[in-house]
Every structure is written in structure tokens, then in C-alpha cells.
Amino acid sequence: MKIERVIDGKVVGRPKLYANGKYKCHPDGDNKTPVWCASLAEVADYLRANPGSGVRMNPEGGKISENIFIDGAAR
């Protein structure tokens, strides 16, 4: 499973794995209430099921909700 932020054909971000071993997603319009996902597959399912939602991505750890590609396909 591969989740990436792609801009102008270049990968510029990947989901940030936190010290608890999970990924942090957020609902649309909310940057403070995390939805913790235990795997990239869970992140992908969450992002697909919740339009406008986002995931915290490296390198800066910001919430990204646009230009997300899951296994090479636009979300």
C-alpha cells in the first residue's frame, strides 16, 4: 500500500507514522480531532470514505487533504 501527495508529477509527502505506531487522519474541516489508523490500508479506507478528510504527512507533519494518490490512483 502506497499513499503519497503528488504535485507536478513529484512525490512531496507521505503519511507520518507517529511514535504510537499509528497514522493520524482528520475529518474535513477539523485539524484537532484525530482519527488514528493502525495501517496504511486503514488510512486509505478512511480517506476514500470521507471526502475532504486528510492525513498528517511528512516532511512537515501538516494535514494534507488534496493531491493524494493511493497506489498511484488519485483519491
PDB file of N, CA and C in Angstrom:
ATOM      1  N   MET A   1       0.851  -1.173   0.000  1.00  0.00           N
ATOM      2  CA  MET A   1       0.000   0.000   0.000  1.00  0.00           C
ATOM      3  C   MET A   1       0.895   1.234   0.000  1.00  0.00           C
ATOM      4  N   LYS A   2       0.562   2.152  -0.912  1.00  0.00           N
ATOM      5  CA  LYS A   2       1.352   3.377  -1.013  1.00  0.00           C
ATOM      6  C   LYS A   2       0.399   4.565  -1.057  1.00  0.00           C
ATOM      7  N   ILE A   3       0.619   5.518  -0.148  1.00  0.00           N
ATOM      8  CA  ILE A   3      -0.154   6.752  -0.117  1.00  0.00           C
ATOM      9  C   ILE A   3       0.835   7.898  -0.225  1.00  0.00           C
ATOM     10  N   GLU A   4       0.603   8.778  -1.202  1.00  0.00           N
ATOM     11  CA  GLU A   4       1.553   9.862  -1.445  1.00  0.00           C
ATOM     12  C   GLU A   4       0.808  11.137  -1.822  1.00  0.00           C
ATOM     13  N   ARG A   5       1.432  12.257  -1.523  1.00  0.00           N
ATOM     14  CA  ARG A   5       0.979  13.537  -2.049  1.00  0.00           C
ATOM     15  C   ARG A   5       1.848  13.815  -3.267  1.00  0.00           C
ATOM     16  N   VAL A   6       1.203  14.058  -4.406  1.00  0.00           N
ATOM     17  CA  VAL A   6       1.925  14.276  -5.653  1.00  0.00           C
ATOM     18  C   VAL A   6       1.534  15.639  -6.219  1.00  0.00           C
ATOM     19  N   ILE A   7       2.551  16.449  -6.496  1.00  0.00           N
ATOM     20  CA  ILE A   7       2.347  17.759  -7.114  1.00  0.00           C
ATOM     21  C   ILE A   7       3.295  17.869  -8.294  1.00  0.00           C
ATOM     22  N   ASP A   8       2.731  18.237  -9.451  1.00  0.00           N
ATOM     23  CA  ASP A   8       3.513  18.355 -10.680  1.00  0.00           C
ATOM     24  C   ASP A   8       4.325  17.096 -10.976  1.00  0.00           C
ATOM     25  N   GLY A   9       3.721  15.936 -10.706  1.00  0.00           N
ATOM     26  CA  GLY A   9       4.358  14.664 -11.002  1.00  0.00           C
ATOM     27  C   GLY A   9       5.432  14.236 -10.017  1.00  0.00           C
ATOM     28  N   LYS A  10       5.638  15.005  -8.956  1.00  0.00           N
ATOM     29  CA  LYS A  10       6.665  14.672  -7.959  1.00  0.00           C
ATOM     30  C   LYS A  10       6.018  14.334  -6.624  1.00  0.00           C
ATOM     31  N   VAL A  11       6.544  13.292  -5.987  1.00  0.00           N
ATOM     32  CA  VAL A  11       6.079  12.927  -4.645  1.00  0.00           C
ATOM     33  C   VAL A  11       6.665  13.929  -3.662  1.00  0.00           C
ATOM     34  N   VAL A  12       5.780  14.612  -2.934  1.00  0.00           N
ATOM     35  CA  VAL A  12       6.235  15.629  -1.982  1.00  0.00           C
ATOM     36  C   VAL A  12       5.820  15.316  -0.549  1.00  0.00           C
ATOM     37  N   GLY A  13       5.128  14.209  -0.338  1.00  0.00           N
ATOM     38  CA  GLY A  13       4.739  13.844   1.015  1.00  0.00           C
ATOM     39  C   GLY A  13       4.259  12.418   1.122  1.00  0.00           C
ATOM     40  N   ARG A  14       4.459  11.862   2.310  1.00  0.00           N
ATOM     41  CA  ARG A  14       3.976  10.519   2.647  1.00  0.00           C
ATOM     42  C   ARG A  14       3.432  10.558   4.072  1.00  0.00           C
ATOM     43  N   PRO A  15       2.463   9.712   4.404  1.00  0.00           N
ATOM     44  CA  PRO A  15       1.882   9.731   5.741  1.00  0.00           C
ATOM     45  C   PRO A  15       2.943   9.598   6.846  1.00  0.00           C
ATOM     46  N   LYS A  16       2.728  10.398   7.882  1.00  0.00           N
ATOM     47  CA  LYS A  16       3.646  10.407   9.025  1.00  0.00           C
ATOM     48  C   LYS A  16       3.246   9.313  10.012  1.00  0.00           C
ATOM     49  N   LEU A  17       4.206   8.468  10.351  1.00  0.00           N
ATOM     50  CA  LEU A  17       3.993   7.421  11.346  1.00  0.00           C
ATOM     51  C   LEU A  17       4.412   7.983  12.704  1.00  0.00           C
ATOM     52  N   TYR A  18       3.494   8.000  13.643  1.00  0.00           N
ATOM     53  CA  TYR A  18       3.762   8.567  14.969  1.00  0.00           C
ATOM     54  C   TYR A  18       4.392   7.532  15.898  1.00  0.00           C
ATOM     55  N   ALA A  19       4.885   8.002  17.025  1.00  0.00           N
ATOM     56  CA  ALA A  19       5.584   7.142  17.992  1.00  0.00           C
ATOM     57  C   ALA A  19       4.701   5.999  18.492  1.00  0.00           C
ATOM     58  N   ASN A  20       3.387   6.179  18.453  1.00  0.00           N
ATOM     59  CA  ASN A  20       2.484   5.117  18.900  1.00  0.00           C
ATOM     60  C   ASN A  20       2.263   4.052  17.817  1.00  0.00           C
ATOM     61  N   GLY A  21       2.971   4.212  16.677  1.00  0.00           N
ATOM     62  CA  GLY A  21       2.869   3.239  15.600  1.00  0.00           C
ATOM     63  C   GLY A  21       1.640   3.408  14.733  1.00  0.00           C
ATOM     64  N   LYS A  22       0.995   4.581  14.819  1.00  0.00           N
ATOM     65  CA  LYS A  22      -0.229   4.816  14.054  1.00  0.00           C
ATOM     66  C   LYS A  22      -0.110   6.079  13.206  1.00  0.00           C
ATOM     67  N   TYR A  23      -1.062   6.227  12.300  1.00  0.00           N
ATOM     68  CA  TYR A  23      -1.152   7.392  11.424  1.00  0.00           C
ATOM     69  C   TYR A  23      -2.326   8.240  11.889  1.00  0.00           C
ATOM     70  N   LYS A  24      -2.201   9.568  11.741  1.00  0.00           N
ATOM     71  CA  LYS A  24      -3.224  10.483  12.227  1.00  0.00           C
ATOM     72  C   LYS A  24      -3.983  11.108  11.059  1.00  0.00           C
ATOM     73  N   CYS A  25      -5.273  10.803  10.994  1.00  0.00           N
ATOM     74  CA  CYS A  25      -6.158  11.399   9.999  1.00  0.00           C
ATOM     75  C   CYS A  25      -7.069  12.398  10.705  1.00  0.00           C
ATOM     76  N   HIS A  26      -7.702  13.260   9.900  1.00  0.00           N
ATOM     77  CA  HIS A  26      -8.627  14.250  10.447  1.00  0.00           C
ATOM     78  C   HIS A  26      -9.826  14.398   9.520  1.00  0.00           C
ATOM     79  N   PRO A  27     -11.020  14.588  10.097  1.00  0.00           N
ATOM     80  CA  PRO A  27     -12.202  14.830   9.284  1.00  0.00           C
ATOM     81  C   PRO A  27     -12.087  16.151   8.528  1.00  0.00           C
ATOM     82  N   ASP A  28     -12.923  16.311   7.522  1.00  0.00           N
ATOM     83  CA  ASP A  28     -12.987  17.546   6.753  1.00  0.00           C
ATOM     84  C   ASP A  28     -13.277  18.721   7.690  1.00  0.00           C
ATOM     85  N   GLY A  29     -12.475  19.777   7.588  1.00  0.00           N
ATOM     86  CA  GLY A  29     -12.687  20.980   8.382  1.00  0.00           C
ATOM     87  C   GLY A  29     -12.219  20.895   9.817  1.00  0.00           C
ATOM     88  N   ASP A  30     -11.531  19.838  10.202  1.00  0.00           N
ATOM     89  CA  ASP A  30     -11.091  19.651  11.589  1.00  0.00           C
ATOM     90  C   ASP A  30      -9.615  19.266  11.610  1.00  0.00           C
ATOM     91  N   ASN A  31      -8.830  20.071  12.286  1.00  0.00           N
ATOM     92  CA  ASN A  31      -7.396  19.775  12.409  1.00  0.00           C
ATOM     93  C   ASN A  31      -7.016  19.306  13.800  1.00  0.00           C
ATOM     94  N   LYS A  32      -7.971  19.234  14.709  1.00  0.00           N
ATOM     95  CA  LYS A  32      -7.644  18.938  16.105  1.00  0.00           C
ATOM     96  C   LYS A  32      -8.125  17.583  16.599  1.00  0.00           C
ATOM     97  N   THR A  33      -9.172  17.040  15.980  1.00  0.00           N
ATOM     98  CA  THR A  33      -9.716  15.767  16.440  1.00  0.00           C
ATOM     99  C   THR A  33      -9.153  14.638  15.589  1.00  0.00           C
ATOM    100  N   PRO A  34      -8.163  13.900  16.109  1.00  0.00           N
ATOM    101  CA  PRO A  34      -7.543  12.856  15.283  1.00  0.00           C
ATOM    102  C   PRO A  34      -8.385  11.586  15.191  1.00  0.00           C
ATOM    103  N   VAL A  35      -8.236  10.936  14.056  1.00  0.00           N
ATOM    104  CA  VAL A  35      -8.758   9.592  13.846  1.00  0.00           C
ATOM    105  C   VAL A  35      -7.512   8.744  13.609  1.00  0.00           C
ATOM    106  N   TRP A  36      -7.164   7.929  14.579  1.00  0.00           N
ATOM    107  CA  TRP A  36      -5.929   7.143  14.498  1.00  0.00           C
ATOM    108  C   TRP A  36      -6.161   5.893  13.659  1.00  0.00           C
ATOM    109  N   CYS A  37      -5.245   5.629  12.756  1.00  0.00           N
ATOM    110  CA  CYS A  37      -5.305   4.447  11.893  1.00  0.00           C
ATOM    111  C   CYS A  37      -4.059   3.601  12.112  1.00  0.00           C
ATOM    112  N   ALA A  38      -4.259   2.303  12.241  1.00  0.00           N
ATOM    113  CA  ALA A  38      -3.154   1.398  12.567  1.00  0.00           C
ATOM    114  C   ALA A  38      -2.340   0.968  11.354  1.00  0.00           C
ATOM    115  N   SER A  39      -2.846   1.222  10.146  1.00  0.00           N
ATOM    116  CA  SER A  39      -2.125   0.788   8.948  1.00  0.00           C
ATOM    117  C   SER A  39      -2.418   1.746   7.798  1.00  0.00           C
ATOM    118  N   LEU A  40      -1.595   1.667   6.755  1.00  0.00           N
ATOM    119  CA  LEU A  40      -1.846   2.478   5.569  1.00  0.00           C
ATOM    120  C   LEU A  40      -3.153   2.064   4.893  1.00  0.00           C
ATOM    121  N   ALA A  41      -3.505   0.795   4.995  1.00  0.00           N
ATOM    122  CA  ALA A  41      -4.777   0.341   4.438  1.00  0.00           C
ATOM    123  C   ALA A  41      -5.949   1.021   5.139  1.00  0.00           C
ATOM    124  N   GLU A  42      -5.856   1.181   6.454  1.00  0.00           N
ATOM    125  CA  GLU A  42      -6.906   1.895   7.202  1.00  0.00           C
ATOM    126  C   GLU A  42      -6.948   3.364   6.798  1.00  0.00           C
ATOM    127  N   VAL A  43      -5.779   3.974   6.612  1.00  0.00           N
ATOM    128  CA  VAL A  43      -5.718   5.364   6.165  1.00  0.00           C
ATOM    129  C   VAL A  43      -6.403   5.491   4.812  1.00  0.00           C
ATOM    130  N   ALA A  44      -6.086   4.605   3.886  1.00  0.00           N
ATOM    131  CA  ALA A  44      -6.681   4.639   2.547  1.00  0.00           C
ATOM    132  C   ALA A  44      -8.197   4.490   2.628  1.00  0.00           C
ATOM    133  N   ASP A  45      -8.667   3.562   3.422  1.00  0.00           N
ATOM    134  CA  ASP A  45     -10.112   3.357   3.576  1.00  0.00           C
ATOM    135  C   ASP A  45     -10.776   4.615   4.134  1.00  0.00           C
ATOM    136  N   TYR A  46     -10.149   5.222   5.136  1.00  0.00           N
ATOM    137  CA  TYR A  46     -10.700   6.431   5.754  1.00  0.00           C
ATOM    138  C   TYR A  46     -10.759   7.576   4.741  1.00  0.00           C
ATOM    139  N   LEU A  47      -9.668   7.785   4.019  1.00  0.00           N
ATOM    140  CA  LEU A  47      -9.613   8.880   3.050  1.00  0.00           C
ATOM    141  C   LEU A  47     -10.642   8.683   1.936  1.00  0.00           C
ATOM    142  N   ARG A  48     -10.804   7.476   1.479  1.00  0.00           N
ATOM    143  CA  ARG A  48     -11.776   7.192   0.412  1.00  0.00           C
ATOM    144  C   ARG A  48     -13.215   7.384   0.892  1.00  0.00           C
ATOM    145  N   ALA A  49     -13.478   7.007   2.135  1.00  0.00           N
ATOM    146  CA  ALA A  49     -14.838   7.069   2.673  1.00  0.00           C
ATOM    147  C   ALA A  49     -15.240   8.461   3.145  1.00  0.00           C
ATOM    148  N   ASN A  50     -14.265   9.351   3.303  1.00  0.00           N
ATOM    149  CA  ASN A  50     -14.530  10.663   3.874  1.00  0.00           C
ATOM    150  C   ASN A  50     -13.959  11.772   2.998  1.00  0.00           C
ATOM    151  N   PRO A  51     -14.693  12.184   1.974  1.00  0.00           N
ATOM    152  CA  PRO A  51     -14.208  13.249   1.101  1.00  0.00           C
ATOM    153  C   PRO A  51     -13.860  14.506   1.911  1.00  0.00           C
ATOM    154  N   GLY A  52     -12.760  15.115   1.550  1.00  0.00           N
ATOM    155  CA  GLY A  52     -12.314  16.319   2.252  1.00  0.00           C
ATOM    156  C   GLY A  52     -11.469  16.049   3.481  1.00  0.00           C
ATOM    157  N   SER A  53     -11.450  14.802   3.928  1.00  0.00           N
ATOM    158  CA  SER A  53     -10.622  14.458   5.085  1.00  0.00           C
ATOM    159  C   SER A  53      -9.150  14.498   4.688  1.00  0.00           C
ATOM    160  N   GLY A  54      -8.278  14.423   5.680  1.00  0.00           N
ATOM    161  CA  GLY A  54      -6.850  14.461   5.393  1.00  0.00           C
ATOM    162  C   GLY A  54      -6.062  13.586   6.333  1.00  0.00           C
ATOM    163  N   VAL A  55      -4.771  13.487   6.034  1.00  0.00           N
ATOM    164  CA  VAL A  55      -3.841  12.705   6.839  1.00  0.00           C
ATOM    165  C   VAL A  55      -2.601  13.562   7.076  1.00  0.00           C
ATOM    166  N   ARG A  56      -2.018  13.444   8.237  1.00  0.00           N
ATOM    167  CA  ARG A  56      -0.772  14.158   8.529  1.00  0.00           C
ATOM    168  C   ARG A  56       0.347  13.507   7.724  1.00  0.00           C
ATOM    169  N   MET A  57       1.114  14.354   7.011  1.00  0.00           N
ATOM    170  CA  MET A  57       2.178  13.837   6.152  1.00  0.00           C
ATOM    171  C   MET A  57       3.514  14.496   6.448  1.00  0.00           C
ATOM    172  N   ASN A  58       4.563  13.711   6.256  1.00  0.00           N
ATOM    173  CA  ASN A  58       5.922  14.245   6.281  1.00  0.00           C
ATOM    174  C   ASN A  58       6.151  14.954   4.963  1.00  0.00           C
ATOM    175  N   PRO A  59       7.000  15.940   4.840  1.00  0.00           N
ATOM    176  CA  PRO A  59       8.050  16.219   5.805  1.00  0.00           C
ATOM    177  C   PRO A  59       7.640  17.121   6.966  1.00  0.00           C
ATOM    178  N   GLU A  60       6.612  17.959   6.862  1.00  0.00           N
ATOM    179  CA  GLU A  60       6.303  18.883   7.957  1.00  0.00           C
ATOM    180  C   GLU A  60       5.274  18.362   8.952  1.00  0.00           C
ATOM    181  N   GLY A  61       4.562  17.320   8.629  1.00  0.00           N
ATOM    182  CA  GLY A  61       3.554  16.781   9.533  1.00  0.00           C
ATOM    183  C   GLY A  61       2.216  17.485   9.440  1.00  0.00           C
ATOM    184  N   GLY A  62       2.020  18.298   8.390  1.00  0.00           N
ATOM    185  CA  GLY A  62       0.758  19.001   8.231  1.00  0.00           C
ATOM    186  C   GLY A  62      -0.341  18.099   7.706  1.00  0.00           C
ATOM    187  N   LYS A  63      -1.582  18.527   7.945  1.00  0.00           N
ATOM    188  CA  LYS A  63      -2.748  17.796   7.428  1.00  0.00           C
ATOM    189  C   LYS A  63      -2.847  18.053   5.930  1.00  0.00           C
ATOM    190  N   ILE A  64      -2.852  16.987   5.163  1.00  0.00           N
ATOM    191  CA  ILE A  64      -2.944  17.074   3.708  1.00  0.00           C
ATOM    192  C   ILE A  64      -4.254  16.423   3.280  1.00  0.00           C
ATOM    193  N   SER A  65      -5.025  17.157   2.487  1.00  0.00           N
ATOM    194  CA  SER A  65      -6.300  16.610   2.026  1.00  0.00           C
ATOM    195  C   SER A  65      -6.453  16.690   0.510  1.00  0.00           C
ATOM    196  N   GLU A  66      -5.467  17.258  -0.174  1.00  0.00           N
ATOM    197  CA  GLU A  66      -5.526  17.387  -1.629  1.00  0.00           C
ATOM    198  C   GLU A  66      -4.300  16.753  -2.266  1.00  0.00           C
ATOM    199  N   ASN A  67      -4.447  16.413  -3.535  1.00  0.00           N
ATOM    200  CA  ASN A  67      -3.348  15.814  -4.311  1.00  0.00           C
ATOM    201  C   ASN A  67      -2.848  14.517  -3.686  1.00  0.00           C
ATOM    202  N   ILE A  68      -3.763  13.733  -3.144  1.00  0.00           N
ATOM    203  CA  ILE A  68      -3.415  12.451  -2.519  1.00  0.00           C
ATOM    204  C   ILE A  68      -3.645  11.328  -3.533  1.00  0.00           C
ATOM    205  N   PHE A  69      -2.638  10.470  -3.654  1.00  0.00           N
ATOM    206  CA  PHE A  69      -2.719   9.310  -4.532  1.00  0.00           C
ATOM    207  C   PHE A  69      -2.549   8.055  -3.696  1.00  0.00           C
ATOM    208  N   ILE A  70      -3.433   7.099  -3.952  1.00  0.00           N
ATOM    209  CA  ILE A  70      -3.406   5.823  -3.234  1.00  0.00           C
ATOM    210  C   ILE A  70      -3.090   4.741  -4.248  1.00  0.00           C
ATOM    211  N   ASP A  71      -1.946   4.114  -4.082  1.00  0.00           N
ATOM    212  CA  ASP A  71      -1.467   3.106  -5.027  1.00  0.00           C
ATOM    213  C   ASP A  71      -1.485   3.642  -6.463  1.00  0.00           C
ATOM    214  N   GLY A  72      -1.080   4.889  -6.610  1.00  0.00           N
ATOM    215  CA  GLY A  72      -0.933   5.509  -7.926  1.00  0.00           C
ATOM    216  C   GLY A  72      -2.182   6.126  -8.507  1.00  0.00           C
ATOM    217  N   ALA A  73      -3.327   5.941  -7.857  1.00  0.00           N
ATOM    218  CA  ALA A  73      -4.589   6.495  -8.355  1.00  0.00           C
ATOM    219  C   ALA A  73      -5.017   7.671  -7.484  1.00  0.00           C
ATOM    220  N   ALA A  74      -5.515   8.716  -8.134  1.00  0.00           N
ATOM    221  CA  ALA A  74      -5.993   9.869  -7.385  1.00  0.00           C
ATOM    222  C   ALA A  74      -7.140   9.455  -6.471  1.00  0.00           C
ATOM    223  N   ARG A  75      -7.120   9.980  -5.271  1.00  0.00           N
ATOM    224  CA  ARG A  75      -8.163   9.633  -4.293  1.00  0.00           C
ATOM    225  C   ARG A  75      -9.502   9.973  -4.810  1.00  0.00           C
TER     226      ARG A  75
END
